Amino acid sequence: MARAITTQRKTINTLFAWAVGLIIFFPILWIFVLSFKSEGDAIKAPFEVLTSAWTLDSYATVQDRSDYFKHFWNSVTIAVGSTLLGILVAVPAAWSMAFVPSKRTRGILMWMLSTKMLPAVGVLYPIYIGFIKLGLLDTRIGLVIVLMLINLPIIVWMLYTYFKEIPGEILEAARMDGAGLREEVMYVLTPMAVPGIASTLLLNVILAWNEAFWTLNLTAAKAAPLTAFIASYSSPEGLFYAKLSAASVMAIAPILIMGWFSQKQLVRGLTFGAVK
């Protein structure tokens, strides 16, 4: 009797999980379907959309109208560059907070996290003016710096959490063997925290790749990533649903593929230290 109840509960939980997954995935699936329809068919009722003819015209038009690979490489450069720069800054900060804490460490961490609650539009004007003065407007290096600073609290918090799970005695043993600070961080701490660092890298690449507010406001043409590529298909004349869907699929496909192949590493890193 107990086994039957357990089996029934597992079945219900499985069905519920599948239902939630399908609900979350449906918008992506619908965008994918619309991208293979003509503009006339894309605005029809859902059943008529599904039964209408499939075509690659929207993809051809998007590729002819826009330089997809230019936007793609801008996205890659900005996402990877901001993440690597953030890791370089965050590792020493997280190390000091995890292994040399002070009375203000917790307060500093909470303050860093609170900056994520700040409305981005509230600091847009000073950053925009600063970028004009420094010649960073519509440049990839400018977006790398901004996105690094935006995601830095998350990077520090994640690394701090992972580092706290590493026994301090191991680092003390390394110091007794003559390891300096550089050797301690590079050859002892970093290898032990590889799952956490890898998941932090992956998560922040995704966050930087999907960032739209800053990329749309601080770029025009030269450094515009794929988020600007998508936005270009929304015009005062209206939305071009099929072309907008095709552009969206072309923009999200690389990050979806990366997430699919790295999901085990991401889950492993996010649960690093959860079970001792």
Protein backbone atom coordinates (compact mmCIF):
# COMPACT_ATOMS: atom_id res chain seq x y z
CA MET A 1 0.00 0.00 0.00
CA ALA A 2 2.77 2.40 0.95
CA ARG A 3 4.68 1.51 -2.22
CA ALA A 4 1.62 2.18 -4.38
CA ILE A 5 1.14 5.60 -2.75
CA THR A 6 4.82 6.41 -3.31
CA THR A 7 4.60 5.38 -6.97
CA GLN A 8 1.44 7.43 -7.47
CA ARG A 9 3.10 10.45 -5.86
CA LYS A 10 6.15 10.12 -8.11
CA THR A 11 3.90 9.88 -11.17
CA ILE A 12 1.99 13.02 -10.16
CA ASN A 13 5.24 14.89 -9.48
CA THR A 14 6.63 13.80 -12.86
CA LEU A 15 3.49 14.91 -14.73
CA PHE A 16 3.49 18.22 -12.86
CA ALA A 17 7.16 18.79 -13.70
CA TRP A 18 6.51 18.05 -17.39
CA ALA A 19 3.52 20.42 -17.38
CA VAL A 20 5.58 23.24 -15.87
CA GLY A 21 8.41 22.56 -18.32
CA LEU A 22 6.06 22.68 -21.31
CA ILE A 23 4.49 25.93 -20.11
CA ILE A 24 7.91 27.53 -19.75
CA PHE A 25 9.13 26.17 -23.09
CA PHE A 26 5.98 27.00 -25.09
CA PRO A 27 6.88 30.65 -25.91
CA ILE A 28 10.20 29.50 -27.40
CA LEU A 29 8.43 26.77 -29.36
CA TRP A 30 5.84 29.24 -30.68
CA ILE A 31 8.53 31.71 -31.76
CA PHE A 32 10.25 28.84 -33.58
CA VAL A 33 7.01 27.97 -35.40
CA LEU A 34 6.28 31.61 -36.37
CA SER A 35 9.80 32.02 -37.76
CA PHE A 36 8.94 29.52 -40.51
CA LYS A 37 5.73 31.30 -41.53
CA SER A 38 5.01 34.21 -43.85
CA GLU A 39 3.98 37.54 -42.35
CA GLY A 40 0.40 36.96 -43.44
CA ASP A 41 0.22 33.52 -41.86
CA ALA A 42 1.99 34.60 -38.65
CA ILE A 43 -0.92 36.80 -37.57
CA LYS A 44 -3.62 34.18 -38.10
CA ALA A 45 -5.34 32.14 -35.40
CA PRO A 46 -3.11 29.52 -33.73
CA PHE A 47 -4.64 26.51 -35.52
CA GLU A 48 -4.36 28.27 -38.90
CA VAL A 49 -0.75 29.15 -38.15
CA LEU A 50 0.11 25.50 -37.50
CA THR A 51 -1.60 24.28 -40.69
CA SER A 52 -0.22 27.00 -42.98
CA ALA A 53 2.77 26.46 -45.28
CA TRP A 54 6.30 26.49 -43.86
CA THR A 55 8.90 28.70 -45.48
CA LEU A 56 12.45 29.98 -44.97
CA ASP A 57 11.66 33.42 -46.42
CA SER A 58 11.87 35.20 -43.05
CA TYR A 59 15.35 33.81 -42.38
CA ALA A 60 16.50 34.81 -45.86
CA THR A 61 15.10 38.32 -45.44
CA VAL A 62 16.69 38.74 -42.01
CA GLN A 63 20.07 37.61 -43.29
CA ASP A 64 19.87 39.90 -46.34
CA ARG A 65 18.76 42.91 -44.31
CA SER A 66 21.15 42.56 -41.36
CA ASP A 67 24.71 41.39 -40.81
CA TYR A 68 23.92 38.57 -38.39
CA PHE A 69 27.52 37.45 -37.85
CA LYS A 70 28.63 40.95 -36.93
CA HIS A 71 26.00 41.09 -34.18
CA PHE A 72 26.85 37.52 -33.18
CA TRP A 73 30.55 38.25 -32.68
CA ASN A 74 29.69 41.41 -30.79
CA SER A 75 27.55 39.32 -28.42
CA VAL A 76 30.30 36.72 -28.00
CA THR A 77 32.95 39.37 -27.32
CA ILE A 78 30.79 41.31 -24.86
CA ALA A 79 29.44 38.27 -22.98
CA VAL A 80 32.76 36.42 -22.70
CA GLY A 81 34.81 39.58 -22.09
CA SER A 82 32.57 40.90 -19.30
CA THR A 83 32.46 37.47 -17.64
CA LEU A 84 36.24 36.92 -17.68
CA LEU A 85 36.88 40.45 -16.45
CA GLY A 86 34.32 39.92 -13.70
CA ILE A 87 35.99 36.66 -12.63
CA LEU A 88 39.39 38.38 -12.43
CA VAL A 89 37.93 41.03 -10.12
CA ALA A 90 35.63 38.73 -8.13
CA VAL A 91 38.05 35.90 -7.25
CA PRO A 92 40.30 38.06 -5.00
CA ALA A 93 37.25 39.79 -3.50
CA ALA A 94 35.47 36.50 -2.76
CA TRP A 95 38.69 34.96 -1.38
CA SER A 96 39.25 37.82 1.06
CA MET A 97 35.63 37.76 2.25
CA ALA A 98 35.58 33.97 2.63
CA PHE A 99 38.94 33.43 4.30
CA VAL A 100 39.85 36.81 5.83
CA PRO A 101 36.42 38.08 6.93
CA SER A 102 35.89 41.23 8.97
CA LYS A 103 32.94 42.57 10.93
CA ARG A 104 31.76 44.42 7.83
CA THR A 105 32.01 41.49 5.40
CA ARG A 106 28.35 40.53 5.68
CA GLY A 107 27.27 44.15 5.34
CA ILE A 108 29.42 44.61 2.24
CA LEU A 109 27.95 41.49 0.65
CA MET A 110 24.41 42.66 1.36
CA TRP A 111 25.21 46.12 0.01
CA MET A 112 26.61 44.60 -3.20
CA LEU A 113 23.48 42.51 -3.61
CA SER A 114 21.25 45.52 -2.93
CA THR A 115 22.73 47.32 -5.96
CA LYS A 116 20.89 44.76 -8.13
CA MET A 117 17.63 46.27 -6.86
CA LEU A 118 18.55 49.69 -8.27
CA PRO A 119 16.46 50.59 -11.35
CA ALA A 120 18.85 50.68 -14.30
CA VAL A 121 17.16 53.76 -15.74
CA GLY A 122 18.13 55.65 -12.58
CA VAL A 123 21.83 55.54 -13.49
CA LEU A 124 21.50 55.56 -17.27
CA TYR A 125 21.98 59.31 -17.70
CA PRO A 126 25.29 59.69 -15.80
CA ILE A 127 26.72 56.56 -17.41
CA TYR A 128 25.61 57.75 -20.86
CA ILE A 129 27.23 61.15 -20.35
CA GLY A 130 30.37 59.50 -18.96
CA PHE A 131 30.59 57.22 -21.99
CA ILE A 132 30.34 60.20 -24.33
CA LYS A 133 33.14 62.01 -22.47
CA LEU A 134 35.37 58.90 -22.46
CA GLY A 135 34.64 57.89 -26.04
CA LEU A 136 33.12 54.55 -24.97
CA LEU A 137 29.68 55.02 -26.49
CA ASP A 138 28.88 52.32 -29.06
CA THR A 139 32.04 50.36 -28.26
CA ARG A 140 32.44 46.76 -27.18
CA ILE A 141 34.89 47.66 -24.42
CA GLY A 142 32.32 50.05 -22.95
CA LEU A 143 29.67 47.33 -22.83
CA VAL A 144 32.17 44.85 -21.39
CA ILE A 145 32.85 47.24 -18.49
CA VAL A 146 29.17 48.03 -17.86
CA LEU A 147 27.99 44.43 -17.97
CA MET A 148 30.88 43.34 -15.77
CA LEU A 149 29.90 45.89 -13.14
CA ILE A 150 26.22 44.96 -13.38
CA ASN A 151 26.87 41.24 -12.87
CA LEU A 152 29.78 41.62 -10.44
CA PRO A 153 27.59 41.29 -7.29
CA ILE A 154 26.26 37.95 -8.54
CA ILE A 155 29.76 36.72 -9.44
CA VAL A 156 31.15 37.70 -6.03
CA TRP A 157 28.22 36.16 -4.15
CA MET A 158 28.44 32.86 -6.04
CA LEU A 159 32.22 32.57 -5.64
CA TYR A 160 31.98 33.56 -1.98
CA THR A 161 29.46 30.76 -1.40
CA TYR A 162 31.67 28.20 -3.13
CA PHE A 163 34.84 29.33 -1.35
CA LYS A 164 33.12 29.13 2.05
CA GLU A 165 32.59 25.40 1.48
CA ILE A 166 36.33 24.78 1.12
CA PRO A 167 37.99 23.89 4.46
CA GLY A 168 40.35 26.64 5.57
CA GLU A 169 42.72 23.99 6.94
CA ILE A 170 43.71 23.07 3.38
CA LEU A 171 44.86 26.62 2.71
CA GLU A 172 46.69 26.71 6.04
CA ALA A 173 48.50 23.51 5.10
CA ALA A 174 49.52 25.08 1.80
CA ARG A 175 50.90 28.13 3.63
CA MET A 176 52.88 25.87 5.96
CA ASP A 177 54.41 24.23 2.88
CA GLY A 178 55.59 27.64 1.71
CA ALA A 179 52.80 28.64 -0.70
CA GLY A 180 52.39 32.36 -1.17
CA LEU A 181 49.14 34.17 -1.81
CA ARG A 182 49.37 33.72 -5.59
CA GLU A 183 50.15 30.00 -5.32
CA GLU A 184 47.39 29.57 -2.73
CA VAL A 185 44.76 31.08 -5.00
CA MET A 186 45.97 29.64 -8.32
CA TYR A 187 47.10 26.13 -7.36
CA VAL A 188 45.04 25.26 -4.28
CA LEU A 189 41.83 27.27 -4.12
CA THR A 190 40.96 27.59 -7.81
CA PRO A 191 41.30 23.85 -8.72
CA MET A 192 39.09 22.90 -5.76
CA ALA A 193 36.41 25.39 -6.78
CA VAL A 194 36.39 24.52 -10.50
CA PRO A 195 32.70 23.38 -10.53
CA GLY A 196 31.61 26.59 -8.82
CA ILE A 197 33.77 28.82 -11.03
CA ALA A 198 32.55 27.04 -14.17
CA SER A 199 28.89 27.45 -13.23
CA THR A 200 29.54 31.12 -12.41
CA LEU A 201 31.12 31.60 -15.84
CA LEU A 202 28.22 29.91 -17.62
CA LEU A 203 25.52 31.78 -15.72
CA ASN A 204 27.12 35.16 -16.29
CA VAL A 205 27.69 34.51 -19.99
CA ILE A 206 23.95 33.82 -20.22
CA LEU A 207 23.09 36.98 -18.27
CA ALA A 208 25.38 39.14 -20.41
CA TRP A 209 24.13 37.54 -23.63
CA ASN A 210 20.50 38.28 -22.73
CA GLU A 211 21.08 41.84 -21.46
CA ALA A 212 18.94 44.25 -23.48
CA PHE A 213 18.55 47.52 -21.57
CA TRP A 214 22.19 48.60 -21.61
CA THR A 215 22.98 47.20 -25.04
CA LEU A 216 20.08 49.06 -26.61
CA ASN A 217 20.88 52.36 -24.88
CA LEU A 218 24.67 52.38 -25.19
CA THR A 219 25.08 51.12 -28.76
CA ALA A 220 24.01 52.21 -32.20
CA ALA A 221 25.66 50.20 -34.97
CA LYS A 222 29.31 49.33 -34.37
CA ALA A 223 29.01 47.36 -31.12
CA ALA A 224 25.35 46.34 -31.35
CA PRO A 225 24.90 42.72 -30.14
CA LEU A 226 22.09 40.29 -30.96
CA THR A 227 19.64 41.99 -28.59
CA ALA A 228 19.84 45.09 -30.81
CA PHE A 229 19.58 42.79 -33.83
CA ILE A 230 16.20 41.55 -32.54
CA ALA A 231 14.97 45.04 -31.64
CA SER A 232 15.61 46.27 -35.18
CA TYR A 233 12.56 44.30 -36.33
CA SER A 234 10.20 46.39 -34.22
CA SER A 235 9.37 49.62 -36.04
CA PRO A 236 6.84 52.50 -35.83
CA GLU A 237 4.95 50.81 -38.66
CA GLY A 238 4.31 47.78 -36.47
CA LEU A 239 5.77 44.41 -35.59
CA PHE A 240 6.91 42.03 -38.29
CA TYR A 241 6.05 38.86 -36.39
CA ALA A 242 7.63 36.29 -38.71
CA LYS A 243 10.85 38.25 -39.21
CA LEU A 244 11.01 39.17 -35.52
CA SER A 245 10.60 35.49 -34.63
CA ALA A 246 13.30 34.47 -37.12
CA ALA A 247 15.68 37.07 -35.68
CA SER A 248 14.87 35.88 -32.16
CA VAL A 249 15.57 32.25 -33.02
CA MET A 250 18.89 33.21 -34.62
CA ALA A 251 19.79 35.22 -31.50
CA ILE A 252 18.84 32.68 -28.83
CA ALA A 253 19.95 29.51 -30.64
CA PRO A 254 23.67 29.80 -29.70
CA ILE A 255 22.99 30.33 -25.99
CA LEU A 256 20.33 27.58 -25.93
CA ILE A 257 22.77 25.13 -27.51
CA MET A 258 25.50 26.13 -25.06
CA GLY A 259 23.11 25.75 -22.13
CA TRP A 260 21.93 22.36 -23.36
CA PHE A 261 25.45 20.90 -23.60
CA SER A 262 26.64 22.47 -20.34
CA GLN A 263 23.55 21.84 -18.21
CA LYS A 264 25.22 19.07 -16.18
CA GLN A 265 28.17 21.31 -15.36
CA LEU A 266 25.84 24.18 -14.52
CA VAL A 267 23.70 22.09 -12.17
CA ARG A 268 26.79 20.55 -10.58
CA GLY A 269 28.26 23.98 -9.92
CA LEU A 270 25.03 25.47 -8.60
CA THR A 271 24.68 22.58 -6.12
CA PHE A 272 28.38 22.60 -5.20
CA GLY A 273 28.69 22.38 -1.44
CA ALA A 274 24.94 21.90 -0.92
CA VAL A 275 25.47 18.42 0.54
CA LYS A 276 28.40 17.80 2.83
